[in-house]
Amino acid sequence: MMLKDVVLLTKDNDKNKDPLNHIVNYSEQILHSARVTELNGATAQNNAVGKQYDHSYVIRLEGIYNADKVAFLDDYRANKSDVLQISQLRRHHFKTDIYCGDTEVRS
C-alpha cells in the first residue's frame, strides 16, 4: 500500500446549448493521501473487478465520493490524458473504494 494524491473527475451536468458540440467537461476534486494498492496479476484483477488491465489499482478514500474517472495528481498535472477508468465504485460506512485501471487487456 502507498499514499498518493488523487484527482476525482466528475462529469459536469450543465447542458451544452450547441447540439453538435459533444465535448464532455469534468470538474476536478483533489484528495491528498489516498491509500492506493496496485493489483498485480490476472487472478487478483479478475477477482476484484472482473477485468484485466495493464495496471489496476484500488484507491481507498475516507468519506463518500462520486467520480466518473480518476487520476494520480502528479501524472495528471504532467499530462491530463493520464486518466484511469473506474470499473467499480464501492461505498462503505463513510468510506469509498475505487477500483480502476488504465488499458483493458483483451484476449
N, C-alpha and C. Protein backbone atom coordinates (compact mmCIF):
# COMPACT_ATOMS: atom_id res chain seq x y z
N MET A 1 0.84 -1.18 0.00
CA MET A 1 0.00 0.00 0.00
C MET A 1 0.89 1.25 0.00
N MET A 2 0.44 2.27 -0.71
CA MET A 2 1.17 3.54 -0.74
C MET A 2 0.17 4.68 -0.61
N LEU A 3 0.65 5.83 -0.18
CA LEU A 3 -0.20 7.02 -0.09
C LEU A 3 0.08 7.90 -1.31
N LYS A 4 -0.99 8.29 -2.01
CA LYS A 4 -0.84 9.14 -3.20
C LYS A 4 -1.95 10.17 -3.22
N ASP A 5 -1.65 11.29 -3.84
CA ASP A 5 -2.67 12.32 -4.08
C ASP A 5 -3.41 11.96 -5.36
N VAL A 6 -4.75 12.05 -5.32
CA VAL A 6 -5.56 11.68 -6.48
C VAL A 6 -6.47 12.82 -6.88
N VAL A 7 -6.93 12.77 -8.13
CA VAL A 7 -7.88 13.74 -8.66
C VAL A 7 -9.13 12.96 -9.07
N LEU A 8 -10.26 13.32 -8.49
CA LEU A 8 -11.54 12.72 -8.90
C LEU A 8 -12.14 13.60 -9.98
N LEU A 9 -12.51 13.00 -11.09
CA LEU A 9 -13.09 13.72 -12.22
C LEU A 9 -14.55 13.33 -12.35
N THR A 10 -15.42 14.33 -12.27
CA THR A 10 -16.86 14.10 -12.36
C THR A 10 -17.42 14.90 -13.51
N LYS A 11 -18.25 14.26 -14.34
CA LYS A 11 -18.84 14.94 -15.49
C LYS A 11 -19.71 16.10 -15.03
N ASP A 12 -19.54 17.25 -15.68
CA ASP A 12 -20.41 18.39 -15.40
C ASP A 12 -21.78 18.11 -16.02
N ASN A 13 -22.82 18.42 -15.30
CA ASN A 13 -24.18 18.15 -15.79
C ASN A 13 -24.79 19.32 -16.54
N ASP A 14 -24.01 20.38 -16.76
CA ASP A 14 -24.54 21.53 -17.50
C ASP A 14 -24.87 21.11 -18.92
N LYS A 15 -26.06 21.44 -19.36
CA LYS A 15 -26.48 21.13 -20.73
C LYS A 15 -25.74 22.03 -21.70
N ASN A 16 -25.18 21.44 -22.74
CA ASN A 16 -24.50 22.20 -23.77
C ASN A 16 -25.55 22.73 -24.74
N LYS A 17 -25.50 24.00 -25.02
CA LYS A 17 -26.51 24.62 -25.88
C LYS A 17 -26.29 24.30 -27.36
N ASP A 18 -25.10 23.88 -27.73
CA ASP A 18 -24.79 23.53 -29.11
C ASP A 18 -24.95 22.01 -29.29
N PRO A 19 -25.95 21.55 -30.05
CA PRO A 19 -26.19 20.11 -30.17
C PRO A 19 -25.08 19.37 -30.94
N LEU A 20 -24.22 20.10 -31.65
CA LEU A 20 -23.14 19.46 -32.38
C LEU A 20 -21.84 19.39 -31.58
N ASN A 21 -21.81 20.02 -30.42
CA ASN A 21 -20.63 20.01 -29.56
C ASN A 21 -20.76 18.85 -28.56
N HIS A 22 -19.94 17.83 -28.73
CA HIS A 22 -20.03 16.65 -27.88
C HIS A 22 -18.89 16.57 -26.87
N ILE A 23 -18.27 17.70 -26.58
CA ILE A 23 -17.18 17.73 -25.62
C ILE A 23 -17.75 17.61 -24.20
N VAL A 24 -17.17 16.69 -23.44
CA VAL A 24 -17.58 16.49 -22.06
C VAL A 24 -16.62 17.25 -21.15
N ASN A 25 -17.15 18.06 -20.27
CA ASN A 25 -16.33 18.80 -19.31
C ASN A 25 -16.40 18.09 -17.96
N TYR A 26 -15.27 18.08 -17.27
CA TYR A 26 -15.18 17.42 -15.97
C TYR A 26 -14.81 18.43 -14.90
N SER A 27 -15.39 18.27 -13.72
CA SER A 27 -14.95 19.04 -12.56
C SER A 27 -13.90 18.19 -11.83
N GLU A 28 -12.95 18.86 -11.23
CA GLU A 28 -11.83 18.18 -10.58
C GLU A 28 -11.90 18.38 -9.07
N GLN A 29 -11.66 17.30 -8.34
CA GLN A 29 -11.58 17.37 -6.89
C GLN A 29 -10.30 16.66 -6.47
N ILE A 30 -9.40 17.38 -5.83
CA ILE A 30 -8.12 16.82 -5.42
C ILE A 30 -8.23 16.31 -3.98
N LEU A 31 -7.79 15.08 -3.79
CA LEU A 31 -7.77 14.48 -2.45
C LEU A 31 -6.34 14.04 -2.15
N HIS A 32 -5.87 14.37 -0.97
CA HIS A 32 -4.49 14.08 -0.58
C HIS A 32 -4.42 12.82 0.27
N SER A 33 -3.33 12.09 0.10
CA SER A 33 -3.00 10.91 0.91
C SER A 33 -4.06 9.81 0.84
N ALA A 34 -4.49 9.49 -0.37
CA ALA A 34 -5.38 8.35 -0.55
C ALA A 34 -4.56 7.07 -0.43
N ARG A 35 -5.14 6.04 0.12
CA ARG A 35 -4.46 4.75 0.23
C ARG A 35 -4.64 4.00 -1.09
N VAL A 36 -3.53 3.69 -1.74
CA VAL A 36 -3.57 3.07 -3.06
C VAL A 36 -2.87 1.71 -3.01
N THR A 37 -3.55 0.70 -3.54
CA THR A 37 -2.98 -0.63 -3.65
C THR A 37 -3.00 -1.03 -5.12
N GLU A 38 -1.85 -1.43 -5.65
CA GLU A 38 -1.80 -1.90 -7.04
C GLU A 38 -2.12 -3.39 -7.05
N LEU A 39 -3.04 -3.78 -7.94
CA LEU A 39 -3.39 -5.19 -8.07
C LEU A 39 -2.46 -5.82 -9.09
N ASN A 40 -1.67 -6.77 -8.63
CA ASN A 40 -0.72 -7.45 -9.52
C ASN A 40 -1.27 -8.81 -9.88
N GLY A 41 -1.17 -9.16 -11.14
CA GLY A 41 -1.56 -10.49 -11.59
C GLY A 41 -3.00 -10.56 -12.07
N ALA A 42 -3.21 -11.44 -13.02
CA ALA A 42 -4.53 -11.60 -13.63
C ALA A 42 -5.57 -12.09 -12.64
N THR A 43 -5.19 -13.01 -11.77
CA THR A 43 -6.15 -13.57 -10.83
C THR A 43 -6.64 -12.51 -9.85
N ALA A 44 -5.74 -11.70 -9.32
CA ALA A 44 -6.14 -10.65 -8.38
C ALA A 44 -7.07 -9.65 -9.06
N GLN A 45 -6.77 -9.28 -10.30
CA GLN A 45 -7.60 -8.32 -11.02
C GLN A 45 -8.98 -8.91 -11.33
N ASN A 46 -9.01 -10.15 -11.81
CA ASN A 46 -10.29 -10.78 -12.12
C ASN A 46 -11.15 -10.95 -10.87
N ASN A 47 -10.53 -11.31 -9.76
CA ASN A 47 -11.28 -11.47 -8.52
C ASN A 47 -11.84 -10.14 -8.02
N ALA A 48 -11.09 -9.06 -8.18
CA ALA A 48 -11.51 -7.75 -7.65
C ALA A 48 -12.49 -7.04 -8.57
N VAL A 49 -12.21 -6.99 -9.87
CA VAL A 49 -13.03 -6.16 -10.77
C VAL A 49 -13.61 -6.92 -11.96
N GLY A 50 -13.23 -8.17 -12.14
CA GLY A 50 -13.77 -8.95 -13.23
C GLY A 50 -13.18 -8.63 -14.59
N LYS A 51 -12.10 -7.85 -14.64
CA LYS A 51 -11.42 -7.49 -15.88
C LYS A 51 -9.92 -7.49 -15.62
N GLN A 52 -9.16 -7.45 -16.72
CA GLN A 52 -7.72 -7.31 -16.59
C GLN A 52 -7.28 -6.01 -17.25
N TYR A 53 -6.35 -5.33 -16.58
CA TYR A 53 -5.78 -4.08 -17.08
C TYR A 53 -4.27 -4.21 -17.10
N ASP A 54 -3.61 -3.34 -17.90
CA ASP A 54 -2.16 -3.28 -17.83
C ASP A 54 -1.72 -2.95 -16.41
N HIS A 55 -2.38 -1.97 -15.81
CA HIS A 55 -2.15 -1.60 -14.42
C HIS A 55 -3.53 -1.37 -13.80
N SER A 56 -3.76 -1.93 -12.64
CA SER A 56 -5.03 -1.67 -11.96
C SER A 56 -4.76 -1.37 -10.49
N TYR A 57 -5.67 -0.60 -9.92
CA TYR A 57 -5.48 -0.09 -8.56
C TYR A 57 -6.78 -0.13 -7.78
N VAL A 58 -6.65 -0.21 -6.46
CA VAL A 58 -7.75 0.04 -5.55
C VAL A 58 -7.37 1.30 -4.78
N ILE A 59 -8.21 2.32 -4.88
CA ILE A 59 -7.97 3.59 -4.18
C ILE A 59 -9.00 3.69 -3.07
N ARG A 60 -8.52 3.80 -1.83
CA ARG A 60 -9.41 3.86 -0.67
C ARG A 60 -9.41 5.28 -0.10
N LEU A 61 -10.63 5.83 0.03
CA LEU A 61 -10.80 7.21 0.48
C LEU A 61 -11.64 7.25 1.74
N GLU A 62 -11.34 8.17 2.62
CA GLU A 62 -12.17 8.42 3.79
C GLU A 62 -13.27 9.38 3.37
N GLY A 63 -14.52 9.00 3.49
CA GLY A 63 -15.65 9.83 3.08
C GLY A 63 -16.37 9.21 1.89
N ILE A 64 -17.52 9.75 1.58
CA ILE A 64 -18.34 9.26 0.47
C ILE A 64 -18.12 10.18 -0.73
N TYR A 65 -17.67 9.61 -1.85
CA TYR A 65 -17.35 10.39 -3.04
C TYR A 65 -17.99 9.76 -4.27
N ASN A 66 -18.19 10.60 -5.29
CA ASN A 66 -18.61 10.16 -6.62
C ASN A 66 -17.54 10.59 -7.60
N ALA A 67 -17.37 9.80 -8.65
CA ALA A 67 -16.42 10.16 -9.71
C ALA A 67 -16.74 9.33 -10.95
N ASP A 68 -16.43 9.90 -12.10
CA ASP A 68 -16.56 9.18 -13.36
C ASP A 68 -15.21 8.64 -13.83
N LYS A 69 -14.14 9.34 -13.45
CA LYS A 69 -12.77 8.92 -13.75
C LYS A 69 -11.89 9.37 -12.60
N VAL A 70 -10.68 8.85 -12.57
CA VAL A 70 -9.75 9.19 -11.50
C VAL A 70 -8.34 9.25 -12.09
N ALA A 71 -7.46 10.04 -11.47
CA ALA A 71 -6.07 10.14 -11.91
C ALA A 71 -5.19 10.39 -10.69
N PHE A 72 -3.93 10.03 -10.84
CA PHE A 72 -2.95 10.37 -9.81
C PHE A 72 -2.48 11.79 -10.08
N LEU A 73 -2.42 12.61 -9.05
CA LEU A 73 -2.19 14.05 -9.20
C LEU A 73 -0.91 14.37 -9.97
N ASP A 74 0.20 13.72 -9.65
CA ASP A 74 1.47 14.02 -10.34
C ASP A 74 1.37 13.72 -11.83
N ASP A 75 0.78 12.58 -12.19
CA ASP A 75 0.62 12.21 -13.61
C ASP A 75 -0.35 13.16 -14.30
N TYR A 76 -1.40 13.53 -13.61
CA TYR A 76 -2.44 14.39 -14.19
C TYR A 76 -1.90 15.79 -14.46
N ARG A 77 -1.09 16.31 -13.56
CA ARG A 77 -0.50 17.64 -13.77
C ARG A 77 0.45 17.63 -14.97
N ALA A 78 1.18 16.53 -15.14
CA ALA A 78 2.15 16.44 -16.22
C ALA A 78 1.46 16.22 -17.58
N ASN A 79 0.40 15.43 -17.58
CA ASN A 79 -0.26 15.08 -18.84
C ASN A 79 -1.72 14.75 -18.54
N LYS A 80 -2.63 15.64 -18.83
CA LYS A 80 -4.03 15.46 -18.45
C LYS A 80 -4.70 14.26 -19.10
N SER A 81 -3.99 13.57 -20.00
CA SER A 81 -4.59 12.38 -20.60
C SER A 81 -4.30 11.11 -19.79
N ASP A 82 -3.48 11.19 -18.76
CA ASP A 82 -3.20 10.03 -17.90
C ASP A 82 -4.32 9.86 -16.89
N VAL A 83 -5.46 9.36 -17.38
CA VAL A 83 -6.66 9.22 -16.56
C VAL A 83 -7.02 7.74 -16.51
N LEU A 84 -7.44 7.27 -15.34
CA LEU A 84 -7.82 5.87 -15.15
C LEU A 84 -9.34 5.71 -15.25
N GLN A 85 -9.75 4.62 -15.87
CA GLN A 85 -11.17 4.29 -15.99
C GLN A 85 -11.61 3.60 -14.70
N ILE A 86 -12.75 3.99 -14.18
CA ILE A 86 -13.29 3.37 -12.98
C ILE A 86 -14.14 2.17 -13.39
N SER A 87 -13.79 1.00 -12.86
CA SER A 87 -14.59 -0.18 -13.16
C SER A 87 -15.64 -0.42 -12.08
N GLN A 88 -15.32 -0.07 -10.84
CA GLN A 88 -16.29 -0.20 -9.74
C GLN A 88 -16.05 0.90 -8.72
N LEU A 89 -17.13 1.37 -8.13
CA LEU A 89 -17.06 2.36 -7.06
C LEU A 89 -17.90 1.79 -5.93
N ARG A 90 -17.27 1.46 -4.82
CA ARG A 90 -17.98 0.84 -3.69
C ARG A 90 -17.94 1.78 -2.50
N ARG A 91 -19.08 1.91 -1.86
CA ARG A 91 -19.18 2.78 -0.68
C ARG A 91 -19.50 1.93 0.54
N HIS A 92 -18.78 2.21 1.62
CA HIS A 92 -18.98 1.54 2.89
C HIS A 92 -19.19 2.63 3.93
N HIS A 93 -19.35 2.29 5.15
CA HIS A 93 -19.60 3.26 6.21
C HIS A 93 -18.57 4.39 6.17
N PHE A 94 -18.93 5.49 5.53
CA PHE A 94 -18.10 6.69 5.44
C PHE A 94 -16.77 6.47 4.72
N LYS A 95 -16.71 5.46 3.85
CA LYS A 95 -15.51 5.20 3.06
C LYS A 95 -15.92 4.89 1.63
N THR A 96 -15.02 5.19 0.70
CA THR A 96 -15.24 4.89 -0.71
C THR A 96 -14.04 4.14 -1.25
N ASP A 97 -14.29 3.03 -1.93
CA ASP A 97 -13.24 2.27 -2.61
C ASP A 97 -13.46 2.41 -4.10
N ILE A 98 -12.41 2.80 -4.81
CA ILE A 98 -12.47 2.96 -6.26
C ILE A 98 -11.56 1.91 -6.89
N TYR A 99 -12.15 1.06 -7.70
CA TYR A 99 -11.41 0.05 -8.45
C TYR A 99 -11.23 0.59 -9.86
N CYS A 100 -9.98 0.75 -10.30
CA CYS A 100 -9.74 1.41 -11.58
C CYS A 100 -8.53 0.80 -12.28
N GLY A 101 -8.43 1.12 -13.57
CA GLY A 101 -7.30 0.64 -14.36
C GLY A 101 -7.07 1.53 -15.56
N ASP A 102 -5.94 1.33 -16.22
CA ASP A 102 -5.64 2.18 -17.38
C ASP A 102 -6.10 1.52 -18.67
N THR A 103 -5.37 0.59 -19.24
CA THR A 103 -5.73 -0.02 -20.52
C THR A 103 -6.23 -1.44 -20.28
N GLU A 104 -7.47 -1.70 -20.70
CA GLU A 104 -8.04 -3.04 -20.51
C GLU A 104 -7.36 -4.03 -21.45
N VAL A 105 -7.01 -5.19 -20.93
CA VAL A 105 -6.38 -6.24 -21.71
C VAL A 105 -7.48 -7.10 -22.31
N ARG A 106 -7.42 -7.29 -23.60
CA ARG A 106 -8.41 -8.14 -24.29
C ARG A 106 -7.68 -9.35 -24.84
N SER A 107 -8.28 -10.52 -24.63
CA SER A 107 -7.65 -11.74 -25.13
C SER A 107 -8.24 -12.21 -26.42
